[in-house]
């Protein structure tokens, strides 16, 4: 059985809300999101995860990307409109992980769009799509890709 991950792409004032991560000496960024729980829709999971991870309130706009990792998982990324709140780490699993492991670090932050091309932002394929789609007003969305986990770009 494959797992399902739901994530948000939140744009505001030429910036995107990302989760900065340090894990086992590796620094990178991801879009806020997480696993879809039993009896929850992907859309409900996006809204819950954003609130849990960043304390920010958003409104779901539309599905941008679907990544299918063969024999592993499906990941859905939704464009969301910022409503309110200052990005702060919520009281969810991330705070607990930081308490239990000094090498694990999470911080939600606004990153200027012009900087994301320089970041290790996973998945990298999606980072590249996002840069293209922002330029063309998201006319090419939704986009879909299917790949094996071992083919995911790491750098």
N, C-alpha and C. Protein backbone atom coordinates (compact mmCIF):
# COMPACT_ATOMS: atom_id res chain seq x y z
N UNK A 1 0.84 -1.19 0.00
CA UNK A 1 0.00 0.00 0.00
C UNK A 1 0.88 1.25 0.00
N UNK A 2 0.56 2.19 -0.85
CA UNK A 2 1.36 3.40 -0.94
C UNK A 2 0.82 4.46 0.02
N UNK A 3 1.72 5.30 0.49
CA UNK A 3 1.31 6.39 1.36
C UNK A 3 0.98 7.62 0.51
N UNK A 4 0.24 8.53 1.11
CA UNK A 4 -0.15 9.76 0.42
C UNK A 4 0.32 10.95 1.24
N UNK A 5 1.01 11.88 0.58
CA UNK A 5 1.47 13.10 1.22
C UNK A 5 0.78 14.28 0.57
N UNK A 6 0.37 15.24 1.38
CA UNK A 6 -0.29 16.45 0.90
C UNK A 6 0.55 17.65 1.32
N UNK A 7 0.80 18.56 0.39
CA UNK A 7 1.65 19.72 0.70
C UNK A 7 1.07 20.98 0.08
N UNK A 8 1.51 22.11 0.64
CA UNK A 8 1.01 23.42 0.20
C UNK A 8 2.15 24.24 -0.41
N UNK A 9 1.79 24.94 -1.47
CA UNK A 9 2.68 25.94 -2.05
C UNK A 9 1.98 27.27 -1.81
N UNK A 10 2.52 28.03 -0.87
CA UNK A 10 1.87 29.26 -0.40
C UNK A 10 2.71 30.44 -0.85
N UNK A 11 2.12 31.30 -1.68
CA UNK A 11 2.82 32.47 -2.20
C UNK A 11 2.24 33.73 -1.57
N UNK A 12 3.15 34.65 -1.24
CA UNK A 12 2.72 35.94 -0.66
C UNK A 12 3.83 36.96 -0.89
N UNK A 13 3.49 38.09 -1.48
CA UNK A 13 4.46 39.18 -1.67
C UNK A 13 5.78 38.69 -2.27
N UNK A 14 5.71 37.96 -3.37
CA UNK A 14 6.89 37.47 -4.09
C UNK A 14 7.78 36.57 -3.24
N UNK A 15 7.14 35.85 -2.31
CA UNK A 15 7.86 34.88 -1.48
C UNK A 15 7.02 33.61 -1.38
N UNK A 16 7.69 32.52 -1.02
CA UNK A 16 7.01 31.23 -0.84
C UNK A 16 7.31 30.75 0.57
N UNK A 17 6.30 30.17 1.22
CA UNK A 17 6.48 29.67 2.59
C UNK A 17 7.07 28.26 2.51
N UNK A 18 8.25 28.09 3.10
CA UNK A 18 8.94 26.80 3.09
C UNK A 18 9.30 26.39 4.50
N UNK A 19 9.55 25.10 4.66
CA UNK A 19 10.04 24.57 5.92
C UNK A 19 11.53 24.31 5.75
N UNK A 20 12.34 25.06 6.50
CA UNK A 20 13.79 24.85 6.51
C UNK A 20 14.08 23.68 7.42
N UNK A 21 14.92 22.74 6.95
CA UNK A 21 15.22 21.53 7.70
C UNK A 21 16.72 21.31 7.85
N UNK A 22 17.10 20.85 9.00
CA UNK A 22 18.43 20.30 9.23
C UNK A 22 18.18 18.91 9.78
N UNK A 23 18.81 17.92 9.14
CA UNK A 23 18.60 16.54 9.58
C UNK A 23 19.86 15.74 9.28
N UNK A 24 20.43 15.21 10.34
CA UNK A 24 21.65 14.40 10.21
C UNK A 24 22.73 15.11 9.40
N UNK A 25 22.91 16.40 9.67
CA UNK A 25 23.95 17.19 9.01
C UNK A 25 23.60 17.69 7.63
N UNK A 26 22.42 17.40 7.14
CA UNK A 26 21.98 17.81 5.80
C UNK A 26 20.99 18.97 5.94
N UNK A 27 21.20 20.05 5.20
CA UNK A 27 20.31 21.20 5.23
C UNK A 27 19.53 21.28 3.92
N UNK A 28 18.22 21.50 4.03
CA UNK A 28 17.38 21.57 2.84
C UNK A 28 16.05 22.23 3.21
N UNK A 29 15.20 22.41 2.20
CA UNK A 29 13.87 22.98 2.37
C UNK A 29 12.83 22.03 1.78
N UNK A 30 11.63 22.10 2.33
CA UNK A 30 10.48 21.37 1.78
C UNK A 30 9.26 22.28 1.86
N UNK A 31 8.24 21.93 1.10
CA UNK A 31 6.97 22.62 1.21
C UNK A 31 6.24 22.09 2.43
N UNK A 32 5.54 22.93 3.18
CA UNK A 32 4.80 22.43 4.35
C UNK A 32 3.81 21.36 3.94
N UNK A 33 3.79 20.28 4.69
CA UNK A 33 2.86 19.21 4.37
C UNK A 33 3.18 17.95 5.14
N UNK A 34 2.39 16.92 4.88
CA UNK A 34 2.61 15.66 5.57
C UNK A 34 1.61 14.62 5.11
N UNK A 35 1.55 13.55 5.86
CA UNK A 35 0.72 12.40 5.49
C UNK A 35 -0.76 12.66 5.65
N UNK A 36 -1.51 12.04 4.75
CA UNK A 36 -2.97 12.08 4.81
C UNK A 36 -3.41 11.01 5.80
N UNK A 37 -4.22 11.41 6.78
CA UNK A 37 -4.69 10.49 7.81
C UNK A 37 -5.93 9.74 7.34
N UNK A 38 -6.21 8.64 8.04
CA UNK A 38 -7.38 7.83 7.72
C UNK A 38 -8.65 8.69 7.79
N UNK A 39 -9.54 8.49 6.85
CA UNK A 39 -10.82 9.23 6.77
C UNK A 39 -10.62 10.73 6.53
N UNK A 40 -9.52 11.11 5.91
CA UNK A 40 -9.25 12.52 5.62
C UNK A 40 -8.99 12.64 4.12
N UNK A 41 -9.49 13.71 3.51
CA UNK A 41 -9.19 13.94 2.10
C UNK A 41 -7.81 14.58 1.98
N UNK A 42 -7.26 14.54 0.79
CA UNK A 42 -5.97 15.18 0.54
C UNK A 42 -6.08 16.67 0.83
N UNK A 43 -7.18 17.26 0.41
CA UNK A 43 -7.38 18.70 0.61
C UNK A 43 -7.45 19.05 2.10
N UNK A 44 -8.15 18.24 2.87
CA UNK A 44 -8.23 18.47 4.32
C UNK A 44 -6.85 18.33 4.95
N UNK A 45 -6.07 17.37 4.47
CA UNK A 45 -4.72 17.16 5.01
C UNK A 45 -3.82 18.36 4.74
N UNK A 46 -3.94 18.96 3.57
CA UNK A 46 -3.12 20.15 3.25
C UNK A 46 -3.39 21.23 4.28
N UNK A 47 -4.64 21.55 4.50
CA UNK A 47 -4.99 22.62 5.44
C UNK A 47 -4.54 22.30 6.86
N UNK A 48 -4.76 21.06 7.29
CA UNK A 48 -4.35 20.65 8.65
C UNK A 48 -2.83 20.73 8.80
N UNK A 49 -2.11 20.20 7.84
CA UNK A 49 -0.65 20.18 7.93
C UNK A 49 -0.05 21.59 7.95
N UNK A 50 -0.57 22.48 7.14
CA UNK A 50 -0.06 23.86 7.14
C UNK A 50 -0.25 24.49 8.51
N UNK A 51 -1.43 24.32 9.09
CA UNK A 51 -1.70 24.88 10.41
C UNK A 51 -0.79 24.24 11.47
N UNK A 52 -0.67 22.90 11.44
CA UNK A 52 0.16 22.21 12.43
C UNK A 52 1.63 22.60 12.33
N UNK A 53 2.14 22.73 11.11
CA UNK A 53 3.57 22.97 10.93
C UNK A 53 3.97 24.43 11.00
N UNK A 54 3.08 25.34 10.59
CA UNK A 54 3.49 26.74 10.46
C UNK A 54 2.62 27.72 11.23
N UNK A 55 1.50 27.31 11.74
CA UNK A 55 0.46 28.11 12.40
C UNK A 55 -0.19 29.14 11.47
N UNK A 56 0.14 29.13 10.19
CA UNK A 56 -0.42 30.05 9.21
C UNK A 56 -1.76 29.51 8.71
N UNK A 57 -2.69 30.41 8.43
CA UNK A 57 -3.99 30.05 7.87
C UNK A 57 -3.98 30.31 6.36
N UNK A 58 -4.45 29.33 5.60
CA UNK A 58 -4.47 29.46 4.14
C UNK A 58 -5.82 28.99 3.60
N UNK A 59 -6.03 29.31 2.33
CA UNK A 59 -7.20 28.85 1.59
C UNK A 59 -6.68 28.05 0.41
N UNK A 60 -7.28 26.89 0.17
CA UNK A 60 -6.90 26.03 -0.94
C UNK A 60 -7.35 26.66 -2.25
N UNK A 61 -6.44 26.75 -3.23
CA UNK A 61 -6.81 27.29 -4.54
C UNK A 61 -6.97 26.19 -5.58
N UNK A 62 -5.86 25.47 -5.87
CA UNK A 62 -5.98 24.42 -6.88
C UNK A 62 -4.80 23.46 -6.80
N UNK A 63 -5.02 22.26 -7.31
CA UNK A 63 -3.95 21.28 -7.41
C UNK A 63 -2.95 21.75 -8.46
N UNK A 64 -1.67 21.79 -8.06
CA UNK A 64 -0.62 22.16 -9.02
C UNK A 64 0.12 20.94 -9.54
N UNK A 65 0.52 20.04 -8.61
CA UNK A 65 1.40 18.95 -8.99
C UNK A 65 1.01 17.65 -8.30
N UNK A 66 1.18 16.57 -9.04
CA UNK A 66 1.01 15.22 -8.49
C UNK A 66 2.26 14.44 -8.87
N UNK A 67 2.98 13.99 -7.87
CA UNK A 67 4.14 13.12 -8.08
C UNK A 67 3.78 11.72 -7.60
N UNK A 68 3.92 10.77 -8.50
CA UNK A 68 3.70 9.37 -8.15
C UNK A 68 5.05 8.68 -8.11
N UNK A 69 5.42 8.18 -6.94
CA UNK A 69 6.66 7.43 -6.79
C UNK A 69 6.28 5.95 -6.83
N UNK A 70 6.68 5.29 -7.89
CA UNK A 70 6.28 3.91 -8.17
C UNK A 70 6.58 3.01 -6.97
N UNK A 71 5.56 2.24 -6.58
CA UNK A 71 5.65 1.31 -5.44
C UNK A 71 6.03 1.99 -4.12
N UNK A 72 5.75 3.28 -4.00
CA UNK A 72 6.11 3.98 -2.77
C UNK A 72 5.02 4.92 -2.28
N UNK A 73 4.81 6.03 -2.98
CA UNK A 73 3.88 7.03 -2.47
C UNK A 73 3.35 7.92 -3.58
N UNK A 74 2.31 8.66 -3.22
CA UNK A 74 1.78 9.73 -4.07
C UNK A 74 1.88 11.02 -3.28
N UNK A 75 2.31 12.07 -3.96
CA UNK A 75 2.42 13.37 -3.32
C UNK A 75 1.65 14.39 -4.13
N UNK A 76 0.81 15.16 -3.43
CA UNK A 76 -0.03 16.18 -4.06
C UNK A 76 0.36 17.55 -3.50
N UNK A 77 0.54 18.50 -4.40
CA UNK A 77 0.97 19.84 -4.01
C UNK A 77 -0.09 20.83 -4.50
N UNK A 78 -0.65 21.58 -3.55
CA UNK A 78 -1.73 22.52 -3.85
C UNK A 78 -1.26 23.96 -3.71
N UNK A 79 -1.66 24.78 -4.66
CA UNK A 79 -1.46 26.22 -4.54
C UNK A 79 -2.45 26.72 -3.51
N UNK A 80 -1.97 27.49 -2.54
CA UNK A 80 -2.82 28.02 -1.48
C UNK A 80 -2.63 29.52 -1.35
N UNK A 81 -3.69 30.21 -1.01
CA UNK A 81 -3.63 31.65 -0.75
C UNK A 81 -3.42 31.88 0.74
N UNK A 82 -2.48 32.74 1.07
CA UNK A 82 -2.22 33.12 2.45
C UNK A 82 -3.41 33.92 2.97
N UNK A 83 -3.86 33.60 4.17
CA UNK A 83 -4.93 34.36 4.81
C UNK A 83 -4.38 35.17 5.98
N UNK A 84 -3.70 34.49 6.92
CA UNK A 84 -3.20 35.22 8.09
C UNK A 84 -2.17 34.38 8.84
N UNK A 85 -1.49 35.05 9.76
CA UNK A 85 -0.56 34.38 10.65
C UNK A 85 0.89 34.63 10.32
N UNK A 86 1.70 34.49 11.34
CA UNK A 86 3.16 34.60 11.20
C UNK A 86 3.72 33.18 11.27
N UNK A 87 4.57 32.79 10.31
CA UNK A 87 5.09 31.43 10.35
C UNK A 87 5.87 31.14 11.63
N UNK A 88 5.34 30.19 12.39
CA UNK A 88 6.00 29.71 13.62
C UNK A 88 5.77 28.22 13.68
N UNK A 89 6.74 27.52 14.19
CA UNK A 89 6.59 26.08 14.30
C UNK A 89 5.45 25.75 15.24
N UNK A 90 4.50 24.95 14.77
CA UNK A 90 3.35 24.56 15.58
C UNK A 90 3.75 23.51 16.61
N UNK A 91 2.79 23.06 17.37
CA UNK A 91 3.03 22.08 18.44
C UNK A 91 2.86 20.65 17.96
N UNK A 92 3.15 20.39 16.71
CA UNK A 92 2.96 19.05 16.15
C UNK A 92 4.24 18.22 16.28
N UNK A 93 4.35 17.21 15.46
CA UNK A 93 5.46 16.25 15.50
C UNK A 93 6.84 16.89 15.38
N UNK A 94 6.94 17.99 14.66
CA UNK A 94 8.23 18.62 14.43
C UNK A 94 8.86 19.12 15.73
N UNK A 95 8.07 19.73 16.60
CA UNK A 95 8.59 20.20 17.89
C UNK A 95 9.08 19.03 18.74
N UNK A 96 8.32 17.95 18.71
CA UNK A 96 8.69 16.75 19.46
C UNK A 96 9.99 16.15 18.91
N UNK A 97 10.12 16.13 17.59
CA UNK A 97 11.34 15.60 16.97
C UNK A 97 12.56 16.42 17.38
N UNK A 98 12.41 17.74 17.44
CA UNK A 98 13.53 18.60 17.84
C UNK A 98 13.90 18.37 19.30
N UNK A 99 12.90 18.13 20.14
CA UNK A 99 13.15 17.86 21.56
C UNK A 99 13.93 16.57 21.75
N UNK A 100 13.59 15.57 20.94
CA UNK A 100 14.17 14.24 21.09
C UNK A 100 15.50 14.06 20.36
N UNK A 101 15.82 14.96 19.44
CA UNK A 101 17.05 14.82 18.67
C UNK A 101 17.63 16.21 18.37
N UNK A 102 18.75 16.53 18.99
CA UNK A 102 19.38 17.84 18.82
C UNK A 102 19.83 18.10 17.39
N UNK A 103 19.95 17.04 16.59
CA UNK A 103 20.38 17.20 15.20
C UNK A 103 19.22 17.38 14.23
N UNK A 104 18.00 17.42 14.75
CA UNK A 104 16.81 17.60 13.93
C UNK A 104 16.29 19.02 14.16
N UNK A 105 16.11 19.80 13.08
CA UNK A 105 15.69 21.19 13.21
C UNK A 105 14.67 21.53 12.13
N UNK A 106 13.62 22.25 12.50
CA UNK A 106 12.56 22.69 11.60
C UNK A 106 12.32 24.18 11.83
N UNK A 107 12.14 24.92 10.74
CA UNK A 107 11.76 26.33 10.87
C UNK A 107 10.98 26.78 9.64
N UNK A 108 9.71 27.15 9.81
CA UNK A 108 8.96 27.68 8.66
C UNK A 108 9.41 29.12 8.40
N UNK A 109 9.56 29.45 7.11
CA UNK A 109 10.02 30.81 6.77
C UNK A 109 9.60 31.20 5.36
N UNK A 110 9.40 32.51 5.19
CA UNK A 110 9.15 33.06 3.86
C UNK A 110 10.48 33.18 3.15
N UNK A 111 10.56 32.68 1.92
CA UNK A 111 11.77 32.76 1.12
C UNK A 111 11.43 33.50 -0.17
N UNK A 112 12.19 34.54 -0.52
CA UNK A 112 11.92 35.25 -1.77
C UNK A 112 11.95 34.30 -2.97
N UNK A 113 10.99 34.43 -3.86
CA UNK A 113 10.90 33.54 -5.02
C UNK A 113 12.20 33.53 -5.82
N UNK A 114 12.87 34.68 -5.95
CA UNK A 114 14.10 34.71 -6.75
C UNK A 114 15.23 33.89 -6.12
N UNK A 115 15.08 33.49 -4.86
CA UNK A 115 16.12 32.70 -4.18
C UNK A 115 15.89 31.19 -4.28
N UNK A 116 14.67 30.75 -4.61
CA UNK A 116 14.41 29.32 -4.51
C UNK A 116 15.19 28.48 -5.53
N UNK A 117 15.58 29.07 -6.65
CA UNK A 117 16.39 28.34 -7.62
C UNK A 117 17.76 27.97 -7.09
N UNK A 118 18.22 28.66 -6.06
CA UNK A 118 19.53 28.41 -5.46
C UNK A 118 19.44 27.40 -4.32
N UNK A 119 18.24 27.06 -3.88
CA UNK A 119 18.06 26.23 -2.70
C UNK A 119 17.99 24.74 -3.03
N UNK A 120 18.36 23.94 -2.05
CA UNK A 120 18.03 22.52 -2.11
C UNK A 120 16.62 22.44 -1.55
N UNK A 121 15.67 22.44 -2.47
CA UNK A 121 14.25 22.42 -2.15
C UNK A 121 13.66 21.14 -2.75
N UNK A 122 13.28 20.22 -1.86
CA UNK A 122 12.77 18.92 -2.32
C UNK A 122 11.26 18.94 -2.49
N UNK A 123 10.76 18.26 -3.52
CA UNK A 123 11.51 17.62 -4.59
C UNK A 123 12.05 18.65 -5.58
N UNK A 124 13.29 18.43 -6.01
CA UNK A 124 13.95 19.38 -6.91
C UNK A 124 13.20 19.53 -8.23
N UNK A 125 12.61 18.45 -8.70
CA UNK A 125 11.82 18.53 -9.95
C UNK A 125 10.68 19.52 -9.80
N UNK A 126 10.08 19.52 -8.65
CA UNK A 126 8.97 20.42 -8.38
C UNK A 126 9.43 21.87 -8.25
N UNK A 127 10.58 22.05 -7.62
CA UNK A 127 11.15 23.41 -7.51
C UNK A 127 11.29 24.02 -8.90
N UNK A 128 11.81 23.22 -9.84
CA UNK A 128 12.01 23.71 -11.19
C UNK A 128 10.69 24.00 -11.88
N UNK A 129 9.69 23.12 -11.71
CA UNK A 129 8.37 23.38 -12.27
C UNK A 129 7.79 24.66 -11.71
N UNK A 130 7.92 24.85 -10.39
CA UNK A 130 7.34 26.03 -9.75
C UNK A 130 7.92 27.32 -10.34
N UNK A 131 9.22 27.35 -10.54
CA UNK A 131 9.83 28.55 -11.12
C UNK A 131 9.28 28.83 -12.52
N UNK A 132 9.11 27.79 -13.32
CA UNK A 132 8.53 27.96 -14.66
C UNK A 132 7.08 28.42 -14.57
N UNK A 133 6.33 27.80 -13.68
CA UNK A 133 4.89 28.07 -13.60
C UNK A 133 4.57 29.44 -13.02
N UNK A 134 5.40 29.93 -12.13
CA UNK A 134 5.19 31.28 -11.61
C UNK A 134 5.32 32.28 -12.76
N UNK A 135 6.31 32.05 -13.63
CA UNK A 135 6.53 32.96 -14.77
C UNK A 135 5.35 32.97 -15.73
N UNK A 136 4.72 31.80 -15.94
CA UNK A 136 3.62 31.75 -16.92
C UNK A 136 2.24 31.79 -16.27
N UNK A 137 2.17 32.17 -14.99
CA UNK A 137 0.89 32.32 -14.32
C UNK A 137 0.17 31.01 -14.08
N UNK A 138 0.91 29.91 -13.97
CA UNK A 138 0.36 28.58 -13.69
C UNK A 138 -0.55 28.06 -14.79
N UNK A 139 -0.32 28.51 -16.04
CA UNK A 139 -1.14 28.05 -17.17
C UNK A 139 -0.88 26.58 -17.51
N UNK A 140 0.30 26.05 -17.16
CA UNK A 140 0.65 24.66 -17.50
C UNK A 140 0.27 23.66 -16.41
N UNK A 141 -0.49 24.10 -15.43
CA UNK A 141 -0.84 23.21 -14.32
C UNK A 141 -2.28 22.75 -14.46
N UNK A 142 -2.63 21.61 -13.87
CA UNK A 142 -1.78 20.77 -13.03
C UNK A 142 -0.79 19.94 -13.88
N UNK A 143 0.32 19.59 -13.24
CA UNK A 143 1.35 18.75 -13.86
C UNK A 143 1.43 17.45 -13.07
N UNK A 144 1.84 16.40 -13.79
CA UNK A 144 1.93 15.09 -13.18
C UNK A 144 3.23 14.42 -13.61
N UNK A 145 3.84 13.68 -12.70
CA UNK A 145 5.05 12.92 -13.02
C UNK A 145 5.00 11.59 -12.29
N UNK A 146 5.60 10.60 -12.90
CA UNK A 146 5.71 9.29 -12.28
C UNK A 146 7.17 8.86 -12.39
N UNK A 147 7.75 8.44 -11.26
CA UNK A 147 9.16 8.04 -11.27
C UNK A 147 9.43 7.06 -10.15
N UNK A 148 10.57 6.42 -10.25
CA UNK A 148 11.00 5.53 -9.19
C UNK A 148 11.71 6.35 -8.12
N UNK A 149 11.59 5.95 -6.88
CA UNK A 149 12.21 6.68 -5.77
C UNK A 149 13.70 6.86 -6.00
N UNK A 150 14.37 5.82 -6.51
CA UNK A 150 15.81 5.92 -6.71
C UNK A 150 16.21 6.90 -7.82
N UNK A 151 15.23 7.38 -8.60
CA UNK A 151 15.52 8.36 -9.66
C UNK A 151 15.29 9.80 -9.22
N UNK A 152 14.86 10.01 -7.99
CA UNK A 152 14.62 11.37 -7.49
C UNK A 152 15.96 12.11 -7.42
N UNK A 153 15.99 13.32 -7.94
CA UNK A 153 17.21 14.13 -7.90
C UNK A 153 17.52 14.53 -6.47
N UNK A 154 18.78 14.42 -6.09
CA UNK A 154 19.22 14.80 -4.75
C UNK A 154 20.01 16.11 -4.75
N UNK A 155 20.49 16.50 -5.93
CA UNK A 155 21.29 17.74 -6.01
C UNK A 155 21.08 18.38 -7.36
